[in-house]
Structure formats: C-alpha cells, structure tokens
N, C-alpha and C. Protein backbone atom coordinates (compact mmCIF):
# COMPACT_ATOMS: atom_id res chain seq x y z
N MET A 1 0.85 -1.17 0.00
CA MET A 1 0.00 0.00 0.00
C MET A 1 0.90 1.24 0.00
N ARG A 2 0.77 2.07 -1.02
CA ARG A 2 1.57 3.29 -1.14
C ARG A 2 0.68 4.51 -0.91
N TYR A 3 1.27 5.51 -0.30
CA TYR A 3 0.58 6.77 -0.07
C TYR A 3 0.87 7.71 -1.24
N THR A 4 -0.07 8.59 -1.53
CA THR A 4 0.13 9.64 -2.53
C THR A 4 0.77 10.82 -1.82
N VAL A 5 1.79 11.41 -2.45
CA VAL A 5 2.48 12.55 -1.85
C VAL A 5 1.98 13.83 -2.50
N ARG A 6 1.57 14.78 -1.67
CA ARG A 6 1.12 16.09 -2.15
C ARG A 6 1.91 17.17 -1.41
N PHE A 7 1.95 18.36 -1.99
CA PHE A 7 2.72 19.47 -1.42
C PHE A 7 1.82 20.67 -1.15
N THR A 8 2.07 21.36 -0.04
CA THR A 8 1.43 22.66 0.18
C THR A 8 2.12 23.66 -0.74
N LYS A 9 1.52 24.85 -0.89
CA LYS A 9 2.15 25.89 -1.72
C LYS A 9 3.53 26.25 -1.19
N GLN A 10 3.64 26.33 0.14
CA GLN A 10 4.93 26.69 0.75
C GLN A 10 5.97 25.60 0.48
N ALA A 11 5.58 24.34 0.58
CA ALA A 11 6.52 23.25 0.32
C ALA A 11 6.96 23.25 -1.13
N ALA A 12 6.05 23.55 -2.05
CA ALA A 12 6.41 23.62 -3.48
C ALA A 12 7.44 24.73 -3.71
N LYS A 13 7.27 25.87 -3.02
CA LYS A 13 8.25 26.97 -3.12
C LYS A 13 9.59 26.52 -2.55
N ASP A 14 9.54 25.80 -1.43
CA ASP A 14 10.77 25.30 -0.81
C ASP A 14 11.55 24.39 -1.77
N VAL A 15 10.83 23.51 -2.45
CA VAL A 15 11.48 22.57 -3.37
C VAL A 15 12.19 23.31 -4.49
N LYS A 16 11.57 24.37 -5.00
CA LYS A 16 12.19 25.15 -6.08
C LYS A 16 13.48 25.82 -5.63
N LYS A 17 13.61 26.11 -4.34
CA LYS A 17 14.80 26.77 -3.81
C LYS A 17 15.95 25.78 -3.53
N LEU A 18 15.65 24.49 -3.53
CA LEU A 18 16.68 23.48 -3.27
C LEU A 18 17.60 23.34 -4.47
N THR A 19 18.82 22.89 -4.22
CA THR A 19 19.75 22.61 -5.31
C THR A 19 19.20 21.42 -6.10
N PRO A 20 19.59 21.28 -7.37
CA PRO A 20 19.13 20.12 -8.16
C PRO A 20 19.46 18.79 -7.49
N LYS A 21 20.62 18.70 -6.87
CA LYS A 21 21.02 17.46 -6.18
C LYS A 21 20.07 17.14 -5.02
N LEU A 22 19.71 18.17 -4.24
CA LEU A 22 18.78 17.95 -3.14
C LEU A 22 17.36 17.67 -3.63
N GLN A 23 16.99 18.22 -4.77
CA GLN A 23 15.67 17.93 -5.35
C GLN A 23 15.57 16.45 -5.71
N VAL A 24 16.65 15.89 -6.27
CA VAL A 24 16.67 14.47 -6.62
C VAL A 24 16.59 13.63 -5.34
N LYS A 25 17.35 14.02 -4.32
CA LYS A 25 17.34 13.29 -3.05
C LYS A 25 15.95 13.34 -2.41
N LEU A 26 15.31 14.51 -2.46
CA LEU A 26 13.96 14.67 -1.93
C LEU A 26 13.00 13.70 -2.61
N LYS A 27 13.06 13.65 -3.93
CA LYS A 27 12.18 12.78 -4.70
C LYS A 27 12.39 11.31 -4.30
N GLU A 28 13.66 10.90 -4.15
CA GLU A 28 13.96 9.52 -3.77
C GLU A 28 13.44 9.20 -2.37
N ILE A 29 13.63 10.11 -1.43
CA ILE A 29 13.15 9.88 -0.06
C ILE A 29 11.63 9.76 -0.04
N LEU A 30 10.95 10.67 -0.75
CA LEU A 30 9.49 10.63 -0.76
C LEU A 30 8.96 9.37 -1.42
N ARG A 31 9.55 8.97 -2.53
CA ARG A 31 9.08 7.77 -3.25
C ARG A 31 9.40 6.48 -2.52
N ASN A 32 10.64 6.34 -2.05
CA ASN A 32 11.11 5.06 -1.53
C ASN A 32 10.95 4.87 -0.04
N ARG A 33 10.73 5.94 0.68
CA ARG A 33 10.60 5.82 2.13
C ARG A 33 9.25 6.32 2.64
N VAL A 34 8.96 7.58 2.41
CA VAL A 34 7.76 8.20 2.98
C VAL A 34 6.47 7.64 2.37
N ALA A 35 6.43 7.46 1.05
CA ALA A 35 5.21 6.93 0.41
C ALA A 35 4.96 5.48 0.79
N VAL A 36 6.01 4.75 1.15
CA VAL A 36 5.88 3.35 1.51
C VAL A 36 5.55 3.19 3.00
N ASP A 37 6.26 3.94 3.85
CA ASP A 37 6.05 3.88 5.30
C ASP A 37 6.12 5.29 5.89
N PRO A 38 5.00 6.03 5.83
CA PRO A 38 5.03 7.43 6.27
C PRO A 38 5.35 7.60 7.76
N TYR A 39 5.18 6.57 8.55
CA TYR A 39 5.46 6.69 9.97
C TYR A 39 6.91 6.39 10.31
N SER A 40 7.76 6.26 9.29
CA SER A 40 9.19 6.03 9.51
C SER A 40 9.91 7.31 9.91
N GLY A 41 9.27 8.46 9.69
CA GLY A 41 9.85 9.74 10.07
C GLY A 41 9.77 9.96 11.57
N LYS A 42 10.48 10.99 12.03
CA LYS A 42 10.49 11.32 13.45
C LYS A 42 9.22 12.10 13.80
N PRO A 43 8.44 11.62 14.78
CA PRO A 43 7.25 12.37 15.20
C PRO A 43 7.67 13.69 15.87
N LEU A 44 6.99 14.76 15.52
CA LEU A 44 7.35 16.08 16.05
C LEU A 44 6.47 16.44 17.24
N LEU A 45 6.95 17.40 18.03
CA LEU A 45 6.25 17.83 19.24
C LEU A 45 5.89 19.31 19.14
N GLY A 46 5.20 19.81 20.13
CA GLY A 46 4.87 21.24 20.20
C GLY A 46 3.90 21.66 19.12
N ASP A 47 4.20 22.80 18.47
CA ASP A 47 3.32 23.35 17.44
C ASP A 47 3.15 22.40 16.26
N LEU A 48 4.14 21.54 16.04
CA LEU A 48 4.10 20.62 14.90
C LEU A 48 3.67 19.21 15.29
N LYS A 49 3.04 19.07 16.45
CA LYS A 49 2.55 17.76 16.88
C LYS A 49 1.59 17.22 15.82
N GLY A 50 1.74 15.95 15.48
CA GLY A 50 0.92 15.35 14.44
C GLY A 50 1.64 15.33 13.10
N HIS A 51 2.81 15.99 13.03
CA HIS A 51 3.63 15.99 11.82
C HIS A 51 4.85 15.11 12.05
N TYR A 52 5.51 14.78 10.96
CA TYR A 52 6.71 13.95 11.00
C TYR A 52 7.83 14.65 10.24
N SER A 53 9.07 14.27 10.54
CA SER A 53 10.22 14.90 9.92
C SER A 53 11.20 13.85 9.43
N VAL A 54 11.78 14.10 8.26
CA VAL A 54 12.84 13.26 7.71
C VAL A 54 13.97 14.19 7.30
N ARG A 55 15.20 13.82 7.61
CA ARG A 55 16.36 14.64 7.26
C ARG A 55 16.61 14.59 5.76
N LEU A 56 16.77 15.78 5.16
CA LEU A 56 17.10 15.89 3.74
C LEU A 56 18.59 16.18 3.58
N SER A 57 19.10 17.07 4.40
CA SER A 57 20.53 17.39 4.42
C SER A 57 20.88 17.74 5.87
N TYR A 58 22.10 18.20 6.09
CA TYR A 58 22.51 18.55 7.45
C TYR A 58 21.54 19.55 8.09
N LYS A 59 21.12 20.56 7.33
CA LYS A 59 20.23 21.58 7.90
C LYS A 59 18.79 21.50 7.42
N ASP A 60 18.53 20.79 6.34
CA ASP A 60 17.18 20.76 5.77
C ASP A 60 16.41 19.52 6.17
N ARG A 61 15.12 19.72 6.41
CA ARG A 61 14.23 18.62 6.78
C ARG A 61 12.99 18.65 5.87
N ILE A 62 12.38 17.48 5.75
CA ILE A 62 11.08 17.36 5.08
C ILE A 62 10.07 17.20 6.22
N VAL A 63 9.13 18.12 6.33
CA VAL A 63 8.10 18.05 7.37
C VAL A 63 6.78 17.74 6.69
N TYR A 64 6.09 16.71 7.18
CA TYR A 64 4.86 16.26 6.53
C TYR A 64 3.85 15.73 7.53
N SER A 65 2.60 15.65 7.08
CA SER A 65 1.53 15.03 7.88
C SER A 65 0.97 13.86 7.08
N VAL A 66 0.27 12.98 7.79
CA VAL A 66 -0.25 11.76 7.17
C VAL A 66 -1.77 11.70 7.32
N ASN A 67 -2.46 11.39 6.23
CA ASN A 67 -3.90 11.19 6.25
C ASN A 67 -4.15 9.72 5.86
N ASP A 68 -4.41 8.89 6.87
CA ASP A 68 -4.59 7.45 6.62
C ASP A 68 -5.88 7.14 5.87
N HIS A 69 -6.92 7.95 6.04
CA HIS A 69 -8.20 7.66 5.40
C HIS A 69 -8.11 7.79 3.88
N GLU A 70 -7.35 8.78 3.40
CA GLU A 70 -7.23 9.01 1.96
C GLU A 70 -5.87 8.55 1.42
N LEU A 71 -5.03 7.97 2.30
CA LEU A 71 -3.68 7.51 1.92
C LEU A 71 -2.87 8.63 1.27
N ILE A 72 -2.83 9.78 1.96
CA ILE A 72 -2.11 10.95 1.45
C ILE A 72 -1.06 11.39 2.47
N VAL A 73 0.13 11.69 1.96
CA VAL A 73 1.17 12.34 2.75
C VAL A 73 1.23 13.78 2.24
N LEU A 74 1.04 14.74 3.12
CA LEU A 74 1.06 16.15 2.74
C LEU A 74 2.37 16.77 3.23
N VAL A 75 3.23 17.14 2.29
CA VAL A 75 4.50 17.77 2.64
C VAL A 75 4.22 19.24 2.95
N VAL A 76 4.57 19.65 4.16
CA VAL A 76 4.29 21.00 4.64
C VAL A 76 5.49 21.92 4.39
N ARG A 77 6.69 21.42 4.65
CA ARG A 77 7.93 22.18 4.41
C ARG A 77 8.98 21.22 3.85
N ALA A 78 9.88 21.77 3.06
CA ALA A 78 10.94 20.93 2.48
C ALA A 78 12.29 21.65 2.52
N LYS A 79 12.41 22.60 3.42
CA LYS A 79 13.68 23.32 3.53
C LYS A 79 13.81 23.87 4.94
N THR A 80 15.01 24.09 5.36
CA THR A 80 15.36 24.61 6.68
C THR A 80 14.94 23.67 7.79
N HIS A 81 15.42 23.97 8.96
CA HIS A 81 15.13 23.14 10.12
C HIS A 81 13.79 23.53 10.71
N TYR A 82 12.75 22.81 10.37
CA TYR A 82 11.39 23.02 10.84
C TYR A 82 10.88 24.43 10.56
N GLY A 83 11.25 24.96 9.40
CA GLY A 83 10.68 26.23 8.97
C GLY A 83 11.35 27.47 9.52
N GLU A 84 12.59 27.35 9.98
CA GLU A 84 13.30 28.54 10.48
C GLU A 84 13.48 29.55 9.39
C-alpha cells in the first residue's frame, strides 16, 4: 500500500529553492521511504505535533503530515530546520 504525496504551496516553493542534487534526493526519499512507510519519520512535538520529519541534508528537513483515510502524505515544508 503506497501513499500519494502532495505538497502545500509553501513546500512547493521550498522545493524550487533546493539545489538540483537535493531535489533528486527529496524525490527519492518521498518515493522510496515516505510513500511506503510514512510513519518512519520522526514524530514532532509542540506546534508541529501530528507531523513527521525526515532529514534531507545537514540543515534541511522534510516536514509532513499523514492522512490514513485518503492515503495521502502532505509535505508541509521541504527546507530549513522546521521552517526557520
């Protein structure tokens, strides 16, 4: 069972700002890890409770939420450390 990956407007802007190398890495992580097992990311706390995070680079993270009913992973941010 695979999840469909969707992006918020902010996440789409974040992806455009990434280097081409990081864009390829992002695509691989989303396809091969997050779409297959969305709960493999680190559960977040505080304001981002209910979201998960996966490391993209030393400073960049992919922050996303999971909708089990519709099998959708919604990428909220794709750059910086939790939206700094």
